[in-house]
Amino acid sequence: MTEPATPGGLVDPEIALQRQVETLKQRFPEADDADLSARVHETHARLKDEATVDSHLVALTEKQVTEDLRSGGETVHIRSDDTA
């Protein structure tokens, strides 16, 4: 799937962050949508402020939010393709 790019040729960070919210919602179905979105955007902003290189910030954001949710007691939903 091709994502719309910014004028500099990079994927629009807002689209990438929204995809992360959607991915996290699948992994944490009981989590509140607004809370997930806020966590993703706040974590991304914090990481960006501290970063000297920002090429992997979206992936790092997902990892950090996942760790925060798990340590906060949220249950991770693991998708299984095994129907047996």
C-alpha atoms as a PDB file:
ATOM      1  CA  MET A   1       0.000   0.000   0.000  1.00  0.00           C
ATOM      2  CA  THR A   2       1.345   3.391  -0.940  1.00  0.00           C
ATOM      3  CA  GLU A   3       0.993   6.260   1.505  1.00  0.00           C
ATOM      4  CA  PRO A   4       0.681   9.882   0.378  1.00  0.00           C
ATOM      5  CA  ALA A   5       4.019  11.624   0.643  1.00  0.00           C
ATOM      6  CA  THR A   6       4.930  15.060   1.886  1.00  0.00           C
ATOM      7  CA  PRO A   7       6.650  17.496  -0.490  1.00  0.00           C
ATOM      8  CA  GLY A   8      10.023  16.166   0.725  1.00  0.00           C
ATOM      9  CA  GLY A   9       9.074  12.672  -0.433  1.00  0.00           C
ATOM     10  CA  LEU A  10       8.472  11.227   3.033  1.00  0.00           C
ATOM     11  CA  VAL A  11       5.256   9.650   4.262  1.00  0.00           C
ATOM     12  CA  ASP A  12       3.007  12.166   6.002  1.00  0.00           C
ATOM     13  CA  PRO A  13       3.675  11.595   9.718  1.00  0.00           C
ATOM     14  CA  GLU A  14       0.027  12.156  10.652  1.00  0.00           C
ATOM     15  CA  ILE A  15      -1.082   9.349   8.332  1.00  0.00           C
ATOM     16  CA  ALA A  16       1.617   7.078   9.714  1.00  0.00           C
ATOM     17  CA  LEU A  17       0.579   7.888  13.300  1.00  0.00           C
ATOM     18  CA  GLN A  18      -3.082   7.207  12.513  1.00  0.00           C
ATOM     19  CA  ARG A  19      -2.079   3.821  11.123  1.00  0.00           C
ATOM     20  CA  GLN A  20      -0.262   3.142  14.389  1.00  0.00           C
ATOM     21  CA  VAL A  21      -3.418   4.018  16.338  1.00  0.00           C
ATOM     22  CA  GLU A  22      -5.376   1.562  14.177  1.00  0.00           C
ATOM     23  CA  THR A  23      -2.745  -1.157  14.654  1.00  0.00           C
ATOM     24  CA  LEU A  24      -2.690  -0.640  18.410  1.00  0.00           C
ATOM     25  CA  LYS A  25      -6.501  -0.736  18.532  1.00  0.00           C
ATOM     26  CA  GLN A  26      -6.380  -4.198  16.954  1.00  0.00           C
ATOM     27  CA  ARG A  27      -3.814  -5.342  19.523  1.00  0.00           C
ATOM     28  CA  PHE A  28      -5.580  -3.669  22.453  1.00  0.00           C
ATOM     29  CA  PRO A  29      -9.300  -3.840  21.550  1.00  0.00           C
ATOM     30  CA  GLU A  30     -10.459  -2.817  25.037  1.00  0.00           C
ATOM     31  CA  ALA A  31      -8.389   0.376  25.004  1.00  0.00           C
ATOM     32  CA  ASP A  32     -10.218   3.656  24.437  1.00  0.00           C
ATOM     33  CA  ASP A  33      -9.736   5.073  20.914  1.00  0.00           C
ATOM     34  CA  ALA A  34      -9.193   8.634  22.136  1.00  0.00           C
ATOM     35  CA  ASP A  35      -6.692   7.441  24.749  1.00  0.00           C
ATOM     36  CA  LEU A  36      -4.742   5.458  22.143  1.00  0.00           C
ATOM     37  CA  SER A  37      -4.632   8.422  19.795  1.00  0.00           C
ATOM     38  CA  ALA A  38      -3.495  10.750  22.581  1.00  0.00           C
ATOM     39  CA  ARG A  39      -0.813   8.287  23.730  1.00  0.00           C
ATOM     40  CA  VAL A  40       0.512   7.849  20.192  1.00  0.00           C
ATOM     41  CA  HIS A  41       0.639  11.582  19.455  1.00  0.00           C
ATOM     42  CA  GLU A  42       2.103  12.528  22.854  1.00  0.00           C
ATOM     43  CA  THR A  43       4.715   9.771  22.701  1.00  0.00           C
ATOM     44  CA  HIS A  44       5.673  10.707  19.144  1.00  0.00           C
ATOM     45  CA  ALA A  45       6.014  14.383  20.115  1.00  0.00           C
ATOM     46  CA  ARG A  46       8.171  13.507  23.134  1.00  0.00           C
ATOM     47  CA  LEU A  47      10.421  11.188  21.125  1.00  0.00           C
ATOM     48  CA  LYS A  48      10.721  13.766  18.328  1.00  0.00           C
ATOM     49  CA  ASP A  49      11.779  16.452  20.813  1.00  0.00           C
ATOM     50  CA  GLU A  50      14.542  14.157  22.105  1.00  0.00           C
ATOM     51  CA  ALA A  51      15.649  12.719  18.742  1.00  0.00           C
ATOM     52  CA  THR A  52      18.598  13.720  16.620  1.00  0.00           C
ATOM     53  CA  VAL A  53      17.419  11.412  13.811  1.00  0.00           C
ATOM     54  CA  ASP A  54      13.716  10.938  13.153  1.00  0.00           C
ATOM     55  CA  SER A  55      13.608   8.210  10.503  1.00  0.00           C
ATOM     56  CA  HIS A  56      12.277   5.535  12.884  1.00  0.00           C
ATOM     57  CA  LEU A  57      10.132   7.618  15.211  1.00  0.00           C
ATOM     58  CA  VAL A  58       6.817   6.066  14.172  1.00  0.00           C
ATOM     59  CA  ALA A  59       8.080   2.540  14.869  1.00  0.00           C
ATOM     60  CA  LEU A  60       9.608   3.644  18.163  1.00  0.00           C
ATOM     61  CA  THR A  61       6.338   5.335  19.055  1.00  0.00           C
ATOM     62  CA  GLU A  62       4.374   2.108  18.548  1.00  0.00           C
ATOM     63  CA  LYS A  63       6.893   0.150  20.615  1.00  0.00           C
ATOM     64  CA  GLN A  64       6.815   2.668  23.481  1.00  0.00           C
ATOM     65  CA  VAL A  65       3.010   2.909  23.564  1.00  0.00           C
ATOM     66  CA  THR A  66       2.731  -0.899  23.456  1.00  0.00           C
ATOM     67  CA  GLU A  67       5.118  -1.192  26.410  1.00  0.00           C
ATOM     68  CA  ASP A  68       3.210   1.501  28.316  1.00  0.00           C
ATOM     69  CA  LEU A  69      -0.132  -0.210  27.720  1.00  0.00           C
ATOM     70  CA  ARG A  70       1.198  -3.615  28.743  1.00  0.00           C
ATOM     71  CA  SER A  71       2.839  -2.280  31.881  1.00  0.00           C
ATOM     72  CA  GLY A  72      -0.441  -0.518  32.694  1.00  0.00           C
ATOM     73  CA  GLY A  73      -2.273  -3.836  32.673  1.00  0.00           C
ATOM     74  CA  GLU A  74      -3.850  -3.771  29.218  1.00  0.00           C
ATOM     75  CA  THR A  75      -4.253  -7.198  27.635  1.00  0.00           C
ATOM     76  CA  VAL A  76      -2.682  -7.729  24.240  1.00  0.00           C
ATOM     77  CA  HIS A  77      -4.904  -9.440  21.706  1.00  0.00           C
ATOM     78  CA  ILE A  78      -2.841 -11.812  19.576  1.00  0.00           C
ATOM     79  CA  ARG A  79      -4.421 -12.477  16.208  1.00  0.00           C
ATOM     80  CA  SER A  80      -4.344 -16.089  15.152  1.00  0.00           C
ATOM     81  CA  ASP A  81      -4.863 -17.327  11.630  1.00  0.00           C
ATOM     82  CA  ASP A  82      -5.217 -20.857  12.993  1.00  0.00           C
ATOM     83  CA  THR A  83      -8.930 -21.710  12.880  1.00  0.00           C
ATOM     84  CA  ALA A  84      -8.458 -25.262  14.188  1.00  0.00           C
END
